[in-house]
Amino acid sequence: MTSMLDRQTSTEQALSQRVFNFSPGPAVLPVPVLQEIQRDLLALPGAGSSVLEISHRSESFDAILAEAEANLRELLDVPEGYRVLFLQGGALLQFSMIPINLLGGQGLPASYIVTGTWGRKAAVEARREGRVHVAWDDADGNYVRVPNAGELDLPEASSYVHYTSNETIQGVQFRRPPEAGGSPLVCDVSSDFLSGPVDVSKFGLLYACAQKNAGPAGLTVVIVSDWLLERSGSDLHSMLSFRLQAEKGSRLNTPNVFGVYVFLLVTRWLRDEIGGLAAAAARAEAKTGLIYEVLDADGGEFYVPHAEPASRSHMNVTFRLRRTELEPAFVAAAADRGLVALKGHRSVGGFRASLYNAMPMEGAERLRDFMLEFRATH
């Protein structure tokens, strides 16, 4: 039988083997959260069963679901009149669910602000359900920035205005929500969710997949206003109806119990150890600032940033090498130093360092030091 000392030694060995994981998602999770999952995996306190085994109708999951929502409402200061849904299918399913629920019967187009890959994909799916108006698209500019307010071509009224707050692949991010001209504002916050304060009252709907900043893959969080929820008709497919999902308390079918549990632990960690979302935002800016400082040091002679400075993401730093033939050597040398998953998306190339909430400052410092060393060597 494995002794307590053996288990402790095994845990220490596992911790010593952990690398700095810059993956864009599924992404790094906080070590304290992973350790708590490890402790609870055999038997959730008070349940007598693993969290992987408990019923979604059990009192144990009732408590998990209630605290997960309460923590989210506290962190984001979600006002009255908004519902929180814990769904499945990722942000990609929301690309369809949103127009299915909000576009029909309005007699108005949905307006999309396209600043990268995910905004473009969202617009494609929306066109399957009705009229889509593209208010701005930086495809010709290679998605290196977000629009200025005067550049948006918004109609007098839209059924809703959709944008992506942070484009993971291109590494561009809105610093503040765009003006929607009085139409409901809908935002995909997947890759900067819970990385800083957000005024929820400015939005009709916010949605995010969890696997970047808030938990494991398989959980999707939707925050939707009551007044926008009224558009969700009674004739929709049950699983695609925001109204039915809200009425059933996110339990229209068996939800991702484990995903909600991990989300709960992450929200506790953000509140109790990071100090809330303002502290998380400052931490994110400091981490990415270390890398941007290296990128800007030689004016693009060695490292070439993708995004324009005013639109740079505090989550995903995208860049390439001026001498592209060195890029395989960069990836290999970084991996030798425990810096992994830095290769950029195939559509952009180069590199992408994702520095989500759970990436420690030490990871950013190690990456900075490696980048300085690699430039000096080559």
Protein backbone atom coordinates (compact mmCIF):
# COMPACT_ATOMS: atom_id res chain seq x y z
CA MET A 1 0.00 0.00 0.00
CA THR A 2 1.27 3.49 -0.88
CA SER A 3 2.30 5.41 2.23
CA MET A 4 1.63 9.10 2.88
CA LEU A 5 5.37 9.74 2.51
CA ASP A 6 5.37 7.99 -0.86
CA ARG A 7 2.44 10.13 -2.02
CA GLN A 8 4.17 13.29 -0.84
CA THR A 9 7.35 12.33 -2.67
CA SER A 10 5.35 11.52 -5.80
CA THR A 11 3.66 14.94 -5.66
CA GLU A 12 6.98 16.73 -5.22
CA GLN A 13 8.41 14.84 -8.18
CA ALA A 14 5.42 15.77 -10.33
CA LEU A 15 5.75 19.43 -9.38
CA SER A 16 9.45 19.39 -10.24
CA GLN A 17 8.59 18.07 -13.71
CA ARG A 18 6.12 20.85 -14.54
CA VAL A 19 7.09 23.12 -17.41
CA PHE A 20 5.94 26.65 -18.20
CA ASN A 21 3.01 25.96 -20.49
CA PHE A 22 2.24 28.85 -22.85
CA SER A 23 -0.55 26.98 -24.63
CA PRO A 24 -3.51 29.10 -25.81
CA GLY A 25 -5.93 26.48 -24.53
CA PRO A 26 -6.47 24.14 -22.90
CA ALA A 27 -4.16 26.27 -20.84
CA VAL A 28 -2.21 26.28 -17.61
CA LEU A 29 -4.21 25.98 -14.37
CA PRO A 30 -3.12 27.36 -10.98
CA VAL A 31 -1.02 24.84 -9.06
CA PRO A 32 -3.05 25.37 -5.83
CA VAL A 33 -6.19 24.49 -7.80
CA LEU A 34 -4.59 21.36 -9.21
CA GLN A 35 -3.49 20.34 -5.72
CA GLU A 36 -7.00 20.79 -4.34
CA ILE A 37 -8.42 18.74 -7.21
CA GLN A 38 -5.88 16.04 -6.39
CA ARG A 39 -6.95 16.01 -2.73
CA ASP A 40 -10.67 15.87 -3.54
CA LEU A 41 -10.55 13.47 -6.46
CA LEU A 42 -11.09 10.30 -4.43
CA ALA A 43 -13.74 11.76 -2.16
CA LEU A 44 -15.22 15.25 -2.26
CA PRO A 45 -15.56 16.47 1.36
CA GLY A 46 -19.04 15.69 2.62
CA ALA A 47 -19.98 13.67 -0.45
CA GLY A 48 -18.15 10.39 0.10
CA SER A 49 -17.63 10.12 -3.65
CA SER A 50 -15.32 11.64 -6.20
CA VAL A 51 -16.45 14.86 -7.86
CA LEU A 52 -16.29 12.76 -11.04
CA GLU A 53 -18.99 10.50 -9.61
CA ILE A 54 -21.50 12.78 -7.91
CA SER A 55 -24.93 13.36 -9.39
CA HIS A 56 -25.73 16.69 -11.00
CA ARG A 57 -28.91 16.57 -8.87
CA SER A 58 -27.05 15.99 -5.59
CA GLU A 59 -26.81 18.42 -2.71
CA SER A 60 -23.05 18.47 -3.21
CA PHE A 61 -23.42 19.74 -6.76
CA ASP A 62 -26.16 22.15 -5.70
CA ALA A 63 -23.57 23.75 -3.41
CA ILE A 64 -20.86 23.75 -6.10
CA LEU A 65 -23.14 25.37 -8.67
CA ALA A 66 -24.42 27.98 -6.23
CA GLU A 67 -20.95 29.03 -5.07
CA ALA A 68 -19.53 29.03 -8.60
CA GLU A 69 -22.24 31.49 -9.68
CA ALA A 70 -21.92 33.56 -6.50
CA ASN A 71 -18.16 33.88 -6.93
CA LEU A 72 -18.53 34.91 -10.55
CA ARG A 73 -21.13 37.51 -9.65
CA GLU A 74 -18.84 38.87 -6.94
CA LEU A 75 -15.71 38.99 -9.12
CA LEU A 76 -17.46 40.69 -12.06
CA ASP A 77 -19.96 42.64 -9.94
CA VAL A 78 -22.78 41.23 -12.07
CA PRO A 79 -25.86 43.42 -11.54
CA GLU A 80 -29.40 42.24 -10.94
CA GLY A 81 -31.28 41.30 -14.07
CA TYR A 82 -28.62 38.96 -15.50
CA ARG A 83 -28.62 35.17 -15.59
CA VAL A 84 -25.48 33.01 -15.39
CA LEU A 85 -25.52 29.81 -17.44
CA PHE A 86 -22.99 26.96 -17.29
CA LEU A 87 -23.23 25.27 -20.68
CA GLN A 88 -21.24 23.01 -22.99
CA GLY A 89 -20.10 23.12 -26.60
CA GLY A 90 -17.47 25.83 -26.26
CA ALA A 91 -17.58 29.31 -27.73
CA LEU A 92 -18.06 27.72 -31.15
CA LEU A 93 -21.55 26.53 -30.23
CA GLN A 94 -22.33 30.05 -29.00
CA PHE A 95 -21.50 31.33 -32.48
CA SER A 96 -24.74 29.55 -33.48
CA MET A 97 -26.79 29.77 -30.28
CA ILE A 98 -26.56 33.56 -30.16
CA PRO A 99 -28.09 34.23 -33.59
CA ILE A 100 -30.55 31.35 -33.15
CA ASN A 101 -31.87 33.01 -29.99
CA LEU A 102 -31.37 36.71 -30.71
CA LEU A 103 -31.52 37.31 -34.46
CA GLY A 104 -34.85 35.85 -35.55
CA GLY A 105 -37.97 38.02 -35.57
CA GLN A 106 -36.14 41.30 -35.10
CA GLY A 107 -36.24 42.43 -38.72
CA LEU A 108 -32.76 43.82 -38.19
CA PRO A 109 -29.32 42.55 -39.13
CA ALA A 110 -26.77 41.43 -36.57
CA SER A 111 -23.64 43.59 -36.78
CA TYR A 112 -20.22 41.96 -36.40
CA ILE A 113 -16.91 43.68 -35.69
CA VAL A 114 -14.24 41.33 -37.06
CA THR A 115 -10.76 41.69 -35.57
CA GLY A 116 -9.43 38.18 -36.15
CA THR A 117 -10.11 34.52 -36.71
CA TRP A 118 -12.76 33.97 -34.05
CA GLY A 119 -14.79 37.04 -34.91
CA ARG A 120 -14.76 35.95 -38.55
CA LYS A 121 -15.92 32.44 -37.64
CA ALA A 122 -18.71 33.88 -35.47
CA ALA A 123 -19.99 35.96 -38.40
CA VAL A 124 -19.96 32.94 -40.71
CA GLU A 125 -22.17 30.95 -38.32
CA ALA A 126 -24.53 33.88 -37.78
CA ARG A 127 -25.17 34.14 -41.52
CA ARG A 128 -26.78 30.71 -41.37
CA GLU A 129 -29.57 32.23 -39.25
CA GLY A 130 -30.18 35.63 -40.81
CA ARG A 131 -28.76 38.89 -42.06
CA VAL A 132 -25.29 39.88 -40.92
CA HIS A 133 -23.74 43.30 -41.38
CA VAL A 134 -19.96 43.52 -41.04
CA ALA A 135 -19.29 46.81 -39.29
CA TRP A 136 -15.50 46.48 -39.61
CA ASP A 137 -13.08 43.82 -40.81
CA ASP A 138 -9.29 44.15 -40.74
CA ALA A 139 -8.65 41.17 -43.03
CA ASP A 140 -6.79 43.34 -45.55
CA GLY A 141 -4.65 44.70 -42.73
CA ASN A 142 -3.82 41.17 -41.49
CA TYR A 143 -5.69 41.69 -38.20
CA VAL A 144 -3.04 43.71 -36.40
CA ARG A 145 -5.35 46.08 -34.53
CA VAL A 146 -8.84 46.87 -33.29
CA PRO A 147 -10.89 49.69 -34.84
CA ASN A 148 -11.14 53.25 -33.67
CA ALA A 149 -14.66 54.41 -32.77
CA GLY A 150 -15.03 56.45 -35.96
CA GLU A 151 -14.20 53.48 -38.18
CA LEU A 152 -17.25 51.39 -37.29
CA ASP A 153 -19.91 51.24 -39.98
CA LEU A 154 -22.94 50.49 -37.81
CA PRO A 155 -26.50 50.69 -39.16
CA GLU A 156 -29.04 52.82 -37.36
CA ALA A 157 -30.18 49.73 -35.44
CA SER A 158 -28.95 46.14 -35.14
CA SER A 159 -30.50 43.12 -33.49
CA TYR A 160 -27.17 43.04 -31.63
CA VAL A 161 -23.54 44.10 -32.11
CA HIS A 162 -20.99 41.31 -31.69
CA TYR A 163 -17.26 41.56 -31.11
CA THR A 164 -14.39 39.47 -29.73
CA SER A 165 -12.65 41.21 -26.84
CA ASN A 166 -9.33 39.39 -27.35
CA GLU A 167 -8.33 37.53 -30.49
CA THR A 168 -6.23 34.61 -29.29
CA ILE A 169 -4.60 33.83 -32.64
CA GLN A 170 -3.66 37.36 -33.72
CA GLY A 171 -3.04 38.74 -30.22
CA VAL A 172 -5.13 41.91 -30.48
CA GLN A 173 -7.39 43.13 -27.68
CA PHE A 174 -9.96 45.84 -27.07
CA ARG A 175 -9.06 48.13 -24.16
CA ARG A 176 -12.70 49.16 -23.77
CA PRO A 177 -16.00 48.02 -25.32
CA PRO A 178 -16.92 49.59 -28.67
CA GLU A 179 -19.95 51.82 -28.90
CA ALA A 180 -22.94 49.84 -30.15
CA GLY A 181 -25.15 52.76 -31.10
CA GLY A 182 -27.90 51.77 -28.69
CA SER A 183 -28.09 48.16 -29.89
CA PRO A 184 -27.41 45.25 -27.49
CA LEU A 185 -23.71 44.52 -27.19
CA VAL A 186 -22.66 40.85 -27.32
CA CYS A 187 -19.08 39.82 -26.63
CA ASP A 188 -16.95 36.71 -26.90
CA VAL A 189 -14.68 37.13 -23.87
CA SER A 190 -13.21 33.63 -24.07
CA SER A 191 -9.53 34.47 -23.99
CA ASP A 192 -9.54 37.37 -21.52
CA PHE A 193 -12.39 36.19 -19.29
CA LEU A 194 -11.77 37.05 -15.62
CA SER A 195 -8.46 38.74 -16.46
CA GLY A 196 -9.71 42.17 -15.42
CA PRO A 197 -12.81 44.16 -14.41
CA VAL A 198 -15.70 44.40 -16.88
CA ASP A 199 -18.79 46.61 -16.65
CA VAL A 200 -21.36 43.89 -17.29
CA SER A 201 -24.18 46.45 -17.44
CA LYS A 202 -22.87 47.61 -20.83
CA PHE A 203 -23.61 44.21 -22.37
CA GLY A 204 -26.65 42.21 -23.33
CA LEU A 205 -24.64 39.00 -23.31
CA LEU A 206 -21.10 37.84 -22.52
CA TYR A 207 -19.81 34.35 -23.20
CA ALA A 208 -16.58 32.42 -22.72
CA CYS A 209 -15.17 28.95 -23.00
CA ALA A 210 -13.42 28.17 -19.73
CA GLN A 211 -10.21 26.51 -20.88
CA LYS A 212 -8.06 29.63 -21.08
CA ASN A 213 -8.53 31.49 -17.81
CA ALA A 214 -11.29 29.80 -15.87
CA GLY A 215 -11.07 26.00 -15.89
CA PRO A 216 -10.81 22.92 -18.10
CA ALA A 217 -12.12 22.44 -21.62
CA GLY A 218 -15.77 21.45 -21.85
CA LEU A 219 -17.36 24.28 -19.85
CA THR A 220 -18.87 27.43 -21.36
CA VAL A 221 -20.08 30.37 -19.27
CA VAL A 222 -22.83 32.69 -20.53
CA ILE A 223 -23.97 35.86 -18.75
CA VAL A 224 -27.18 37.09 -20.36
CA SER A 225 -29.52 39.93 -19.46
CA ASP A 226 -33.15 39.16 -18.67
CA TRP A 227 -34.34 41.63 -21.30
CA LEU A 228 -32.33 39.91 -24.02
CA LEU A 229 -33.37 36.49 -22.74
CA GLU A 230 -36.96 37.40 -23.65
CA ARG A 231 -36.04 37.01 -27.33
CA SER A 232 -35.38 33.30 -26.84
CA GLY A 233 -38.51 31.81 -28.38
CA SER A 234 -40.45 28.75 -27.26
CA ASP A 235 -40.04 26.99 -30.62
CA LEU A 236 -36.26 26.51 -30.47
CA HIS A 237 -34.50 23.19 -30.08
CA SER A 238 -34.38 22.66 -26.33
CA MET A 239 -30.61 22.43 -25.91
CA LEU A 240 -30.11 25.56 -28.03
CA SER A 241 -32.55 27.73 -26.08
CA PHE A 242 -31.12 30.25 -23.63
CA ARG A 243 -34.56 30.56 -22.07
CA LEU A 244 -34.89 26.83 -21.36
CA GLN A 245 -31.30 26.56 -20.12
CA ALA A 246 -31.99 29.43 -17.71
CA GLU A 247 -35.31 27.96 -16.55
CA LYS A 248 -33.59 24.65 -15.80
CA GLY A 249 -30.71 26.28 -13.92
CA SER A 250 -28.08 25.00 -16.39
CA ARG A 251 -29.33 21.46 -15.82
CA LEU A 252 -31.49 20.86 -18.86
CA ASN A 253 -29.20 17.87 -19.39
CA THR A 254 -26.29 16.57 -17.31
CA PRO A 255 -23.89 19.51 -17.09
CA ASN A 256 -20.11 19.39 -16.92
CA VAL A 257 -20.00 18.74 -13.18
CA PHE A 258 -16.22 18.51 -13.02
CA GLY A 259 -15.79 21.66 -15.12
CA VAL A 260 -18.06 23.69 -12.84
CA TYR A 261 -16.19 22.35 -9.80
CA VAL A 262 -12.81 23.43 -11.22
CA PHE A 263 -14.31 26.78 -12.21
CA LEU A 264 -15.38 27.21 -8.58
CA LEU A 265 -11.82 26.54 -7.39
CA VAL A 266 -10.37 28.98 -9.93
CA THR A 267 -12.74 31.75 -8.84
CA ARG A 268 -11.76 31.17 -5.22
CA TRP A 269 -8.09 31.38 -6.22
CA LEU A 270 -8.67 34.60 -8.14
CA ARG A 271 -10.50 36.16 -5.21
CA ASP A 272 -8.41 34.91 -2.30
CA GLU A 273 -4.88 34.56 -3.69
CA ILE A 274 -4.73 37.02 -6.59
CA GLY A 275 -6.91 39.63 -4.89
CA GLY A 276 -9.65 40.08 -7.47
CA LEU A 277 -9.83 41.18 -11.07
CA ALA A 278 -8.14 44.56 -10.74
CA ALA A 279 -5.10 42.77 -9.33
CA ALA A 280 -5.33 40.16 -12.09
CA ALA A 281 -5.32 42.92 -14.73
CA ALA A 282 -2.24 44.57 -13.26
CA ARG A 283 -0.50 41.20 -13.08
CA ALA A 284 -1.35 40.42 -16.72
CA GLU A 285 -0.05 43.77 -17.93
CA ALA A 286 3.19 43.29 -15.99
CA LYS A 287 3.78 39.79 -17.40
CA THR A 288 3.13 40.67 -21.03
CA GLY A 289 5.03 43.93 -20.58
CA LEU A 290 8.22 41.96 -19.97
CA ILE A 291 7.86 40.27 -23.35
CA TYR A 292 6.79 43.35 -25.28
CA GLU A 293 9.83 45.18 -23.93
CA VAL A 294 12.07 42.56 -25.52
CA LEU A 295 10.12 42.70 -28.80
CA ASP A 296 10.47 46.47 -29.02
CA ALA A 297 14.11 46.71 -27.96
CA ASP A 298 15.64 46.55 -31.46
CA GLY A 299 12.87 48.04 -33.57
CA GLY A 300 12.01 44.81 -35.35
CA GLU A 301 15.53 43.89 -36.39
CA PHE A 302 15.33 40.47 -34.73
CA TYR A 303 11.86 39.96 -33.20
CA VAL A 304 8.85 41.22 -35.16
CA PRO A 305 5.63 41.82 -33.14
CA HIS A 306 2.35 41.06 -34.91
CA ALA A 307 -0.07 43.50 -33.26
CA GLU A 308 0.15 47.27 -33.25
CA PRO A 309 1.14 48.65 -29.82
CA ALA A 310 -2.23 50.24 -28.98
CA SER A 311 -4.07 46.97 -29.70
CA ARG A 312 -1.66 44.47 -28.14
CA SER A 313 -3.16 41.71 -26.05
CA HIS A 314 -2.36 41.28 -22.36
CA MET A 315 -3.14 37.58 -22.78
CA ASN A 316 -1.54 36.39 -26.03
CA VAL A 317 1.75 37.88 -27.24
CA THR A 318 2.24 37.14 -30.94
CA PHE A 319 5.50 37.63 -32.83
CA ARG A 320 7.89 36.07 -35.30
CA LEU A 321 11.59 36.20 -36.11
CA ARG A 322 12.93 38.45 -38.84
CA ARG A 323 15.04 35.45 -39.88
CA THR A 324 12.30 32.86 -40.19
CA GLU A 325 14.80 30.05 -40.75
CA LEU A 326 15.69 30.34 -37.05
CA GLU A 327 12.16 29.67 -35.83
CA PRO A 328 12.50 25.87 -35.43
CA ALA A 329 15.67 26.43 -33.39
CA PHE A 330 13.81 28.92 -31.20
CA VAL A 331 11.05 26.42 -30.42
CA ALA A 332 13.53 23.62 -29.68
CA ALA A 333 15.80 25.75 -27.49
CA ALA A 334 12.80 27.10 -25.56
CA ALA A 335 11.51 23.58 -24.92
CA ASP A 336 14.94 22.59 -23.58
CA ARG A 337 14.45 25.29 -20.95
CA GLY A 338 10.96 24.14 -20.02
CA LEU A 339 9.16 26.81 -22.07
CA VAL A 340 6.61 24.93 -24.18
CA ALA A 341 3.65 25.49 -26.56
CA LEU A 342 5.10 28.69 -28.02
CA LYS A 343 4.52 27.87 -31.67
CA GLY A 344 2.06 30.25 -33.33
CA HIS A 345 -1.21 29.25 -34.94
CA ARG A 346 -0.74 27.73 -38.39
CA SER A 347 -2.69 30.59 -40.01
CA VAL A 348 -0.32 33.24 -38.63
CA GLY A 349 2.95 31.41 -38.01
CA GLY A 350 5.71 32.61 -35.78
CA PHE A 351 5.13 32.38 -32.05
CA ARG A 352 2.40 32.96 -29.49
CA ALA A 353 3.04 33.21 -25.77
CA SER A 354 -0.22 32.91 -23.86
CA LEU A 355 0.19 34.43 -20.40
CA TYR A 356 -3.19 33.75 -18.81
CA ASN A 357 -4.01 34.30 -15.15
CA ALA A 358 -2.44 31.03 -14.00
CA MET A 359 0.93 31.68 -15.68
CA PRO A 360 3.21 32.75 -12.82
CA MET A 361 5.43 35.81 -13.12
CA GLU A 362 8.39 33.45 -13.09
CA GLY A 363 7.22 31.98 -16.39
CA ALA A 364 7.18 35.41 -18.05
CA GLU A 365 10.61 36.19 -16.59
CA ARG A 366 12.05 32.90 -17.85
CA LEU A 367 10.65 33.54 -21.32
CA ARG A 368 12.06 37.08 -21.35
CA ASP A 369 15.49 35.85 -20.30
CA PHE A 370 15.46 33.12 -22.94
CA MET A 371 14.45 35.58 -25.67
CA LEU A 372 17.29 37.93 -24.72
CA GLU A 373 19.74 35.02 -24.72
CA PHE A 374 18.51 33.70 -28.08
CA ARG A 375 18.85 37.12 -29.69
CA ALA A 376 22.35 37.56 -28.28
CA THR A 377 23.40 34.11 -29.52
CA HIS A 378 22.00 34.56 -33.03
